[in-house]
Each structure stands twice: as structure tokens, then as C-alpha cells.
Amino acid sequence: MPSILVAHVAHQRDAALDTRERLLVTLTDRPGRVVLATCHRVEIYETVERVEAIPEMRTLVAEDAAAHLFRVATGLDSAIAGEAQILRQVRAVYEAAPGDLHPMLRRLFERALHLGREIRRTTRLGEVHRSVGSLAVDAAVQALADSASATVLVIGAGEMGKLAVRALSHRVARVLVANRDRTRAEMVAAMDGAEALSLDDIPAALARADAVVSAADTRGALLTRALLASRLRGRSLVIVDIAVPRSVAADARDLAGLRYRSVDELADETAAVPAQVVVRAAERCSREAMDFMREWRERAAADAIRDVRASAETLRRAQLERALRRLGHLGERDRRIVEALSTGLTNAILHAPTIALREEPARSDSARELFGIGRKR
């Protein structure tokens, strides 16, 4: 029975953007696995029988894996400490996860979502309203010569695109938002007075735009070298690419006249949350992880004790019936004595293993294996 909780992590801090893009393309889906992919991370959560490392990813096990997910859901592992968007992303991947998730993994994500909401509600982390989208807007606006008269194109009307449109609407003259689903673009545009476009409109929109914030996973198929080179003739362009994999084709990022920045080149210069708040929240995540794993092991021990006793009771009854058939001459009183003897012997034999399992829940799988539970007899 799989029982080891594992998290494989590739984060901006220790994995280059090229590496994270490659992992996203090459990682294969596997039953029972949850993949959390955001601008700054590619993470895999699963339960396994044996821990095996994945190249280019850090591997965290048990309490360390649980504590990491708790910190992620709380926003402590984000580029902006306490940012709220990550909690929605964790919820989205959990809700989209396959129905065959191991119960421990399902419970872990439920606990992470609860803890993320609670810590944000009860600490100053809940006061953070900045996001990667707002960092991208800052970078784009700062690069413009005259933001008050500028036109900015936002590609992608998902969560990050929506946040970018909202922030830009107060800082530039015109905002265009393009999306594969034109209806979605129209909904986002209507909320903040932007102009909605389809992806087919992007070549014409680029001619009007002074800057682009791209949050769409188009993998270079849309913002190609040819298209951008044509747009850059005689007029510079700012592109802030927060999509992972990146939106701008690799051979177009160094074009003359293009001021290009990727998500890894964005940084939050404002420390909105005091350091001691972050430290205390991280310590809370570590304690909650210890508690979670202890509770799960105790639950696993209780299940193992139940299974061992059920298996022993099945054997006891079978052996008792066989013995009583051979002792057909016994009266009812003597038959009850024999049955009580079999029950007492079974309980006595199981007493020490039961105590051991309660004291060391991690031995649950070993107990099942020792008693042959799950094997054909």
C-alpha cells in the first residue's frame, strides 16, 4: 500500500526558467499525481511505495513535503510573500485532480487549503494584494516613456491576465486584451473598460501597442520572430512575458528595439509583510505538517490494527469450526469453553503487535506484510 508522501520541486530559486519549461513539456501524467505549475514553480505531489528522485527537481519526503505544500498555499514560497493567487491555483489543481488520488494526498490538499485561508485571515499576510500580474504591470509601465498616453496589449484573459488588465486600466491610456476565447476576453474587458480582441487580432493590435504583457501559454507560436521584427521597424516595443512556457519565441527575444523581460526577471521591491510575520507563519506550517503526518500514521495504524484483528478473527473462526467438527462429542458447555479459549489465545497473541503499532504507526505496512494481509494465501 503506497504510504510515503513525496513532493518533487523545481522553483525559480534553484531551477532556471529553461529547466522549468523543459520539465513541463517532458513530465508525463501519472495516476494519483498532482502537478502544480505556476510562473515560478513546477511541483509534483504523490504517494509512493519507494522514493525515487526526479532529475533537476528537489525531492521532499513526509513532513518536509507536507510543510512545503502548506507554505506554498499560504503564499510564503511566492515571489511576493503572502500573495493570494497561489491559493486559488492550489485549489484549481486539487479540484482538477483525478479521482484516484491516495486518501492521504487528498486530505493533505484539503488541509493546505484550510491552513492557507486561516493564516491569511488571521495575520498580515491577508493584507497582501499584489501578484505576479501587478509586478508585470510595474515593469511594463516603468519601461514606457509616457505611460499616460500609452496603449498596452494583454495576451491571455485568465487569472493573471485579468489582474494585469485591472492594474493597467488605472495607469495607461488604453488597454487591449486578447484571448483564445473571445467571449472570455469580452468579459474581462468589460470589467475595466478595456478593448477585447481574439488571438487573430494580435498582429494588428501590436501595431497599436507600446507594450505587451503576455500571460498566455502560446509557446512561441504566436509572438514569432517574423511578427515581432515586422512590428519593431522604426518603433521599439516592451514585452513582459509572464507565461511559462514563455510566449515569445526563443529566437525573437534579443531582437533590436525589443525590451524583453521574463517572469524570472521580475522582483517585488516592497516588503509588505514584516519578516517576523513570515517567520511565525512558516513555523506554523512546520508544526501543522508534523501534526498532519502524525495523525495520518495514527490513522494508518488504526486501520492496520483493524485489518490484522479481522484477519486473525477469520482464521480463529475457521480453525475453531474445524476443531469442533472433530470434537463432536462435546456438550454445549465444553464447546463454549473451547471457543473462549480460542478467543483468549488470539487476543493474547495480538496484544503485543497492537501495542507496538499504536506506539510506532509507521510500522503499519510491515504489520500487514507480516500477517499476510493483501496476499493470496
Protein backbone atom coordinates (compact mmCIF):
# COMPACT_ATOMS: atom_id res chain seq x y z
CA MET A 1 0.00 0.00 0.00
CA PRO A 2 1.59 3.37 -1.02
CA SER A 3 2.28 5.36 2.13
CA ILE A 4 5.25 7.67 1.52
CA LEU A 5 4.32 11.26 0.76
CA VAL A 6 6.68 12.87 -1.76
CA ALA A 7 6.96 16.35 -3.28
CA HIS A 8 9.30 16.99 -6.23
CA VAL A 9 10.03 20.71 -6.56
CA ALA A 10 11.62 22.89 -9.26
CA HIS A 11 11.42 26.52 -8.14
CA GLN A 12 12.73 29.75 -9.62
CA ARG A 13 15.24 29.94 -6.76
CA ASP A 14 17.06 26.78 -7.79
CA ALA A 15 15.81 25.87 -11.28
CA ALA A 16 16.28 28.09 -14.33
CA LEU A 17 13.30 29.05 -16.47
CA ASP A 18 14.62 26.84 -19.29
CA THR A 19 14.64 23.89 -16.88
CA ARG A 20 11.09 24.52 -15.70
CA GLU A 21 9.85 24.83 -19.25
CA ARG A 22 11.53 21.55 -20.19
CA LEU A 23 10.01 19.80 -17.18
CA LEU A 24 6.54 21.00 -18.13
CA VAL A 25 6.94 19.63 -21.63
CA THR A 26 8.56 16.31 -20.69
CA LEU A 27 6.80 15.34 -17.47
CA THR A 28 4.21 12.66 -18.02
CA ASP A 29 0.93 12.42 -16.20
CA ARG A 30 0.70 9.53 -13.81
CA PRO A 31 -2.35 8.23 -11.94
CA GLY A 32 -2.53 9.57 -8.41
CA ARG A 33 -0.22 12.51 -9.12
CA VAL A 34 -0.94 16.22 -8.67
CA VAL A 35 1.15 18.66 -10.71
CA LEU A 36 1.24 22.29 -9.58
CA ALA A 37 2.71 24.52 -12.29
CA THR A 38 2.82 28.30 -11.89
CA CYS A 39 5.06 31.12 -13.09
CA HIS A 40 7.75 30.30 -10.56
CA ARG A 41 7.41 26.57 -9.92
CA VAL A 42 6.80 23.10 -11.24
CA GLU A 43 5.87 20.72 -8.41
CA ILE A 44 4.71 17.11 -8.26
CA TYR A 45 2.90 15.62 -5.28
CA GLU A 46 2.28 11.89 -5.00
CA THR A 47 2.33 8.92 -2.65
CA VAL A 48 4.72 6.13 -3.48
CA GLU A 49 6.00 2.82 -2.18
CA ARG A 50 9.62 3.78 -2.83
CA VAL A 51 11.12 7.27 -3.14
CA GLU A 52 12.90 7.97 -6.42
CA ALA A 53 14.38 11.36 -7.28
CA ILE A 54 13.46 13.18 -10.49
CA PRO A 55 16.46 14.86 -12.19
CA GLU A 56 16.52 18.67 -11.86
CA MET A 57 13.95 18.64 -9.06
CA ARG A 58 14.38 18.70 -5.28
CA THR A 59 12.71 15.74 -3.58
CA LEU A 60 10.98 16.30 -0.23
CA VAL A 61 9.54 13.44 1.83
CA ALA A 62 6.84 13.09 4.52
CA GLU A 63 6.80 16.07 6.94
CA ASP A 64 9.07 18.13 4.67
CA ALA A 65 6.74 17.57 1.70
CA ALA A 66 3.65 18.47 3.73
CA ALA A 67 5.27 21.60 5.20
CA HIS A 68 6.29 22.72 1.72
CA LEU A 69 2.74 22.49 0.35
CA PHE A 70 1.44 24.34 3.41
CA ARG A 71 3.95 27.16 2.81
CA VAL A 72 3.03 27.25 -0.87
CA ALA A 73 -0.70 27.51 -0.16
CA THR A 74 -0.07 30.28 2.38
CA GLY A 75 1.94 32.30 -0.12
CA LEU A 76 5.18 32.03 1.85
CA ASP A 77 7.00 30.40 -1.07
CA SER A 78 5.94 33.02 -3.61
CA ALA A 79 7.92 35.87 -5.15
CA ILE A 80 5.55 38.16 -3.25
CA ALA A 81 5.22 36.83 0.31
CA GLY A 82 1.54 36.27 1.04
CA GLU A 83 0.20 36.69 -2.50
CA ALA A 84 -3.30 35.29 -2.72
CA GLN A 85 -3.28 33.99 -6.29
CA ILE A 86 -1.33 30.85 -5.39
CA LEU A 87 -4.09 29.67 -3.06
CA ARG A 88 -6.54 29.76 -5.97
CA GLN A 89 -4.03 27.89 -8.13
CA VAL A 90 -3.60 25.17 -5.48
CA ARG A 91 -7.38 24.83 -5.22
CA ALA A 92 -7.72 24.61 -9.01
CA VAL A 93 -5.19 21.78 -9.42
CA TYR A 94 -6.70 19.90 -6.49
CA GLU A 95 -10.23 20.17 -7.86
CA ALA A 96 -9.00 19.04 -11.29
CA ALA A 97 -7.05 16.10 -9.84
CA PRO A 98 -8.10 12.56 -10.82
CA GLY A 99 -10.49 10.68 -8.59
CA ASP A 100 -7.90 8.00 -7.82
CA LEU A 101 -5.82 10.23 -5.52
CA HIS A 102 -4.49 8.44 -2.46
CA PRO A 103 -6.61 9.44 0.59
CA MET A 104 -3.51 10.88 2.29
CA LEU A 105 -2.81 13.17 -0.67
CA ARG A 106 -6.43 14.28 -0.91
CA ARG A 107 -6.50 15.07 2.81
CA LEU A 108 -3.16 16.90 2.54
CA PHE A 109 -4.50 19.30 -0.09
CA GLU A 110 -7.67 19.89 1.90
CA ARG A 111 -5.58 20.73 4.96
CA ALA A 112 -3.32 23.01 2.90
CA LEU A 113 -6.28 24.98 1.53
CA HIS A 114 -7.79 25.32 5.01
CA LEU A 115 -4.48 26.43 6.52
CA GLY A 116 -3.79 28.89 3.71
CA ARG A 117 -7.17 30.57 4.26
CA GLU A 118 -6.78 30.61 8.03
CA ILE A 119 -3.28 32.08 8.12
CA ARG A 120 -4.20 34.77 5.61
CA ARG A 121 -7.32 35.59 7.64
CA THR A 122 -5.52 35.84 10.98
CA THR A 123 -2.21 37.51 10.02
CA ARG A 124 -0.99 40.44 7.95
CA LEU A 125 -0.41 38.06 5.06
CA GLY A 126 -4.07 38.67 4.29
CA GLU A 127 -3.28 42.33 3.58
CA VAL A 128 -1.17 41.44 0.53
CA HIS A 129 -2.97 42.22 -2.74
CA ARG A 130 -0.02 42.25 -5.14
CA SER A 131 0.61 39.46 -7.61
CA VAL A 132 2.90 38.44 -10.45
CA GLY A 133 0.44 40.27 -12.69
CA SER A 134 1.00 43.50 -10.78
CA LEU A 135 4.79 43.01 -10.94
CA ALA A 136 4.49 42.62 -14.71
CA VAL A 137 2.43 45.79 -14.95
CA ASP A 138 5.01 47.69 -12.88
CA ALA A 139 7.80 46.51 -15.18
CA ALA A 140 5.86 47.42 -18.32
CA VAL A 141 4.80 50.88 -17.12
CA GLN A 142 8.29 51.75 -15.85
CA ALA A 143 9.73 50.94 -19.28
CA LEU A 144 7.34 53.29 -21.11
CA ALA A 145 8.41 56.82 -21.95
CA ASP A 146 4.89 58.20 -21.45
CA SER A 147 2.58 55.71 -19.76
CA ALA A 148 -0.30 58.22 -19.56
CA SER A 149 -0.72 58.13 -23.35
CA ALA A 150 0.36 54.53 -23.92
CA THR A 151 -1.54 51.53 -25.23
CA VAL A 152 -0.79 48.16 -23.64
CA LEU A 153 -1.83 44.78 -25.04
CA VAL A 154 -2.52 41.97 -22.56
CA ILE A 155 -2.45 38.48 -24.09
CA GLY A 156 -4.41 35.96 -22.06
CA ALA A 157 -7.59 36.57 -20.07
CA GLY A 158 -7.02 34.03 -17.34
CA GLU A 159 -6.41 34.93 -13.70
CA MET A 160 -3.07 36.69 -14.30
CA GLY A 161 -4.29 38.42 -17.43
CA LYS A 162 -7.37 39.67 -15.61
CA LEU A 163 -5.24 41.08 -12.79
CA ALA A 164 -2.93 42.77 -15.30
CA VAL A 165 -5.87 44.38 -17.13
CA ARG A 166 -7.27 45.68 -13.84
CA ALA A 167 -3.94 47.20 -12.77
CA LEU A 168 -3.23 48.72 -16.19
CA SER A 169 -6.65 50.33 -16.51
CA HIS A 170 -5.63 52.95 -13.94
CA ARG A 171 -2.15 53.62 -15.29
CA VAL A 172 -2.23 53.79 -19.09
CA ALA A 173 -4.45 55.37 -21.73
CA ARG A 174 -5.75 52.22 -23.43
CA VAL A 175 -5.76 48.51 -22.59
CA LEU A 176 -6.33 45.79 -25.18
CA VAL A 177 -6.95 42.21 -24.04
CA ALA A 178 -6.69 39.27 -26.45
CA ASN A 179 -7.71 35.72 -25.67
CA ARG A 180 -8.27 32.45 -27.49
CA ASP A 181 -11.89 32.55 -26.28
CA ARG A 182 -13.14 35.96 -27.43
CA THR A 183 -16.09 35.76 -25.05
CA ARG A 184 -13.75 35.47 -22.08
CA ALA A 185 -11.78 38.49 -23.32
CA GLU A 186 -15.00 40.47 -23.58
CA MET A 187 -15.96 39.61 -20.00
CA VAL A 188 -12.57 40.71 -18.66
CA ALA A 189 -12.51 43.84 -20.81
CA ALA A 190 -15.98 44.91 -19.73
CA MET A 191 -14.97 44.99 -16.06
CA ASP A 192 -12.23 47.57 -16.58
CA GLY A 193 -13.04 49.46 -19.74
CA ALA A 194 -10.60 47.59 -21.96
CA GLU A 195 -10.97 46.52 -25.59
CA ALA A 196 -11.50 42.81 -26.27
CA LEU A 197 -9.75 41.00 -29.11
CA SER A 198 -9.23 37.47 -30.38
CA LEU A 199 -5.78 35.97 -30.93
CA ASP A 200 -6.21 36.52 -34.66
CA ASP A 201 -6.29 40.28 -33.97
CA ILE A 202 -2.84 40.33 -32.36
CA PRO A 203 -0.80 41.37 -35.46
CA ALA A 204 -2.96 44.47 -35.88
CA ALA A 205 -3.02 45.08 -32.10
CA LEU A 206 0.78 45.01 -31.95
CA ALA A 207 0.90 47.90 -34.40
CA ARG A 208 -1.11 49.94 -31.89
CA ALA A 209 0.62 48.77 -28.73
CA ASP A 210 3.55 50.36 -26.93
CA ALA A 211 3.89 47.40 -24.57
CA VAL A 212 2.70 43.83 -24.19
CA VAL A 213 2.04 41.78 -21.05
CA SER A 214 1.72 38.16 -22.12
CA ALA A 215 0.19 35.60 -19.76
CA ALA A 216 -0.85 33.05 -22.39
CA ASP A 217 0.74 29.64 -22.96
CA THR A 218 1.32 30.05 -26.70
CA ARG A 219 4.91 28.64 -26.61
CA GLY A 220 6.31 31.00 -29.24
CA ALA A 221 3.76 30.06 -31.87
CA LEU A 222 2.09 33.48 -31.74
CA LEU A 223 4.80 36.03 -30.90
CA THR A 224 7.24 34.83 -33.54
CA ARG A 225 10.46 36.44 -34.71
CA ALA A 226 8.90 37.39 -38.04
CA LEU A 227 5.89 39.07 -36.47
CA LEU A 228 7.89 40.98 -33.88
CA ALA A 229 10.61 42.01 -36.35
CA SER A 230 7.94 43.49 -38.59
CA ARG A 231 6.43 45.41 -35.65
CA LEU A 232 9.83 46.71 -34.47
CA ARG A 233 10.70 48.50 -37.72
CA GLY A 234 11.18 52.10 -36.63
CA ARG A 235 9.47 51.73 -33.24
CA SER A 236 10.53 49.97 -30.04
CA LEU A 237 8.32 47.63 -28.05
CA VAL A 238 8.22 46.50 -24.41
CA ILE A 239 7.21 42.88 -23.71
CA VAL A 240 6.85 41.43 -20.22
CA ASP A 241 6.43 37.67 -20.67
CA ILE A 242 4.98 36.02 -17.55
CA ALA A 243 3.85 32.84 -19.26
CA VAL A 244 5.62 29.54 -18.52
CA PRO A 245 6.43 28.16 -21.06
CA ARG A 246 7.22 31.59 -22.48
CA SER A 247 5.02 33.28 -25.09
CA VAL A 248 7.80 34.90 -27.11
CA ALA A 249 9.75 32.63 -29.44
CA ALA A 250 13.31 31.96 -28.27
CA ASP A 251 14.88 33.44 -31.42
CA ALA A 252 12.89 36.67 -31.05
CA ARG A 253 13.81 37.70 -27.50
CA ASP A 254 17.00 39.52 -28.49
CA LEU A 255 15.62 41.50 -31.43
CA ALA A 256 16.89 45.07 -31.73
CA GLY A 257 14.36 47.50 -30.32
CA LEU A 258 12.66 44.87 -28.15
CA ARG A 259 12.81 45.41 -24.39
CA TYR A 260 12.04 41.91 -23.20
CA ARG A 261 11.65 40.65 -19.62
CA SER A 262 10.67 37.17 -18.46
CA VAL A 263 8.90 36.27 -15.22
CA ASP A 264 12.22 35.40 -13.58
CA GLU A 265 13.42 38.96 -14.10
CA LEU A 266 10.59 40.45 -12.05
CA ALA A 267 11.10 41.24 -8.38
CA ASP A 268 8.99 42.75 -5.63
CA GLU A 269 10.83 45.71 -4.17
CA THR A 270 8.31 46.31 -1.40
CA ALA A 271 8.28 44.18 1.75
CA ALA A 272 4.60 44.45 2.57
CA VAL A 273 4.70 41.84 5.34
CA PRO A 274 7.06 42.14 8.34
CA ALA A 275 9.71 39.42 8.46
CA GLN A 276 8.56 38.16 11.86
CA VAL A 277 5.06 37.54 10.48
CA VAL A 278 6.53 35.41 7.70
CA VAL A 279 8.74 33.51 10.17
CA ARG A 280 5.84 32.74 12.52
CA ALA A 281 3.64 31.62 9.62
CA ALA A 282 6.41 29.31 8.36
CA GLU A 283 6.81 27.83 11.85
CA ARG A 284 3.06 27.25 11.97
CA CYS A 285 3.26 25.41 8.64
CA SER A 286 6.02 23.16 10.01
CA ARG A 287 4.01 22.33 13.15
CA GLU A 288 0.90 21.62 11.12
CA ALA A 289 2.92 19.29 8.87
CA MET A 290 4.20 17.34 11.87
CA ASP A 291 0.66 17.08 13.23
CA PHE A 292 -0.71 16.02 9.85
CA MET A 293 1.79 13.21 9.38
CA ARG A 294 1.39 12.02 12.99
CA GLU A 295 -2.41 11.95 12.63
CA TRP A 296 -2.15 10.12 9.32
CA ARG A 297 0.21 7.50 10.74
CA GLU A 298 -2.09 7.01 13.73
CA ARG A 299 -5.00 6.58 11.36
CA ALA A 300 -2.95 4.13 9.28
CA ALA A 301 -2.08 2.24 12.49
CA ALA A 302 -5.75 2.05 13.49
CA ASP A 303 -6.62 0.70 10.04
CA ALA A 304 -3.76 -1.82 10.24
CA ILE A 305 -4.86 -2.97 13.72
CA ARG A 306 -8.39 -3.42 12.42
CA ASP A 307 -7.17 -5.39 9.41
CA VAL A 308 -4.84 -7.59 11.47
CA ARG A 309 -7.57 -8.36 14.00
CA ALA A 310 -10.11 -9.04 11.26
CA SER A 311 -7.67 -11.42 9.57
CA ALA A 312 -6.91 -13.16 12.88
CA GLU A 313 -10.60 -13.48 13.67
CA THR A 314 -11.26 -15.09 10.30
CA LEU A 315 -8.50 -17.63 10.95
CA ARG A 316 -9.71 -18.23 14.51
CA ARG A 317 -13.25 -19.00 13.38
CA ALA A 318 -12.06 -21.32 10.61
CA GLN A 319 -9.78 -23.25 12.97
CA LEU A 320 -12.44 -23.38 15.69
CA GLU A 321 -15.05 -24.81 13.33
CA ARG A 322 -12.58 -27.44 12.14
CA ALA A 323 -11.73 -28.41 15.73
CA LEU A 324 -15.37 -28.56 16.86
CA ARG A 325 -16.24 -30.86 13.97
CA ARG A 326 -13.62 -33.27 15.30
CA LEU A 327 -14.89 -32.82 18.86
CA GLY A 328 -18.48 -33.60 18.09
CA HIS A 329 -18.92 -35.48 21.36
CA LEU A 330 -18.52 -32.30 23.42
CA GLY A 331 -21.52 -30.77 25.10
CA GLU A 332 -22.59 -27.17 24.69
CA ARG A 333 -20.78 -26.01 27.84
CA ASP A 334 -17.49 -27.57 26.74
CA ARG A 335 -17.85 -26.16 23.24
CA ARG A 336 -18.21 -22.66 24.74
CA ILE A 337 -15.06 -23.25 26.80
CA VAL A 338 -13.12 -24.21 23.66
CA GLU A 339 -14.41 -21.13 21.84
CA ALA A 340 -13.46 -18.86 24.76
CA LEU A 341 -10.01 -20.45 24.79
CA SER A 342 -9.53 -19.70 21.07
CA THR A 343 -10.63 -16.08 21.58
CA GLY A 344 -8.32 -15.63 24.55
CA LEU A 345 -5.34 -17.09 22.72
CA THR A 346 -5.96 -14.87 19.69
CA ASN A 347 -6.22 -11.73 21.84
CA ALA A 348 -3.10 -12.65 23.77
CA ILE A 349 -1.10 -13.22 20.59
CA LEU A 350 -2.28 -9.90 19.10
CA HIS A 351 -1.76 -7.83 22.25
CA ALA A 352 1.94 -7.05 21.74
CA PRO A 353 1.63 -6.27 18.00
CA THR A 354 -1.32 -3.97 18.75
CA ILE A 355 0.65 -2.04 21.36
CA ALA A 356 3.65 -1.82 19.01
CA LEU A 357 1.52 -0.43 16.19
CA ARG A 358 -0.02 2.21 18.45
CA GLU A 359 3.43 3.30 19.59
CA GLU A 360 5.01 3.14 16.12
CA PRO A 361 2.32 3.79 13.48
CA ALA A 362 4.96 3.81 10.72
CA ARG A 363 5.16 0.00 11.04
CA SER A 364 1.62 -0.43 9.70
CA ASP A 365 2.69 -1.70 6.27
CA SER A 366 5.17 -4.10 7.89
CA ALA A 367 2.40 -5.47 10.11
CA ARG A 368 0.17 -6.12 7.12
CA GLU A 369 3.02 -7.84 5.31
CA LEU A 370 3.93 -9.92 8.39
CA PHE A 371 0.36 -11.15 8.78
CA GLY A 372 0.00 -11.79 5.04
CA ILE A 373 -2.78 -9.25 4.58
CA GLY A 374 -3.26 -8.42 0.92
CA ARG A 375 -1.53 -11.61 -0.28
CA LYS A 376 -3.21 -14.70 -1.59
CA ARG A 377 -2.89 -17.45 0.94
